[in-house]
Amino acid sequence: KFDQYNSGEPLSAISQAFGELCRMIVKKGATLCKEIEAVLRAELQNEVYLLTQIIPDLKEVINQETEHAEASDDATSEARQVRLNYAFRIFVRTMSFHFSPLVLCLDDLQWADT
């Protein structure tokens, strides 16, 4: 549920929702954390860093501080957005594989990032 009073932070509702999922994963144990980390690292390598900027609780799942990927020459805002979109798709696909069905309900969407 979006909070109209905390909506100034970009992607705050996504961060909160997937942060809760990450905390649940940590509670389920190290085996699941390692499985998810392996998939994310195989697909994204150091780009996992992009996800940890949005979902800080993901650092607990992957069990280490991720280093910032070296910026490439095409580090424009648009290129970063494309990389983030790709990383987020991989993250959601990975989560939906381990937690099927994965349902994300959007309520009070009018307060999102206003």
Foldseek 3Di string as FASTA:
>chain_A
DDDLVPQQDAPLVVQVVVLVVLVVQVVVHLVSLVVLLVQLCVVQPLLVQLVCVSHVSNCVSNVHDGDHDDDDPPPDPVVVVVSSVVSVVSNCVSVCVVPPPDDDDDDPVVSHND
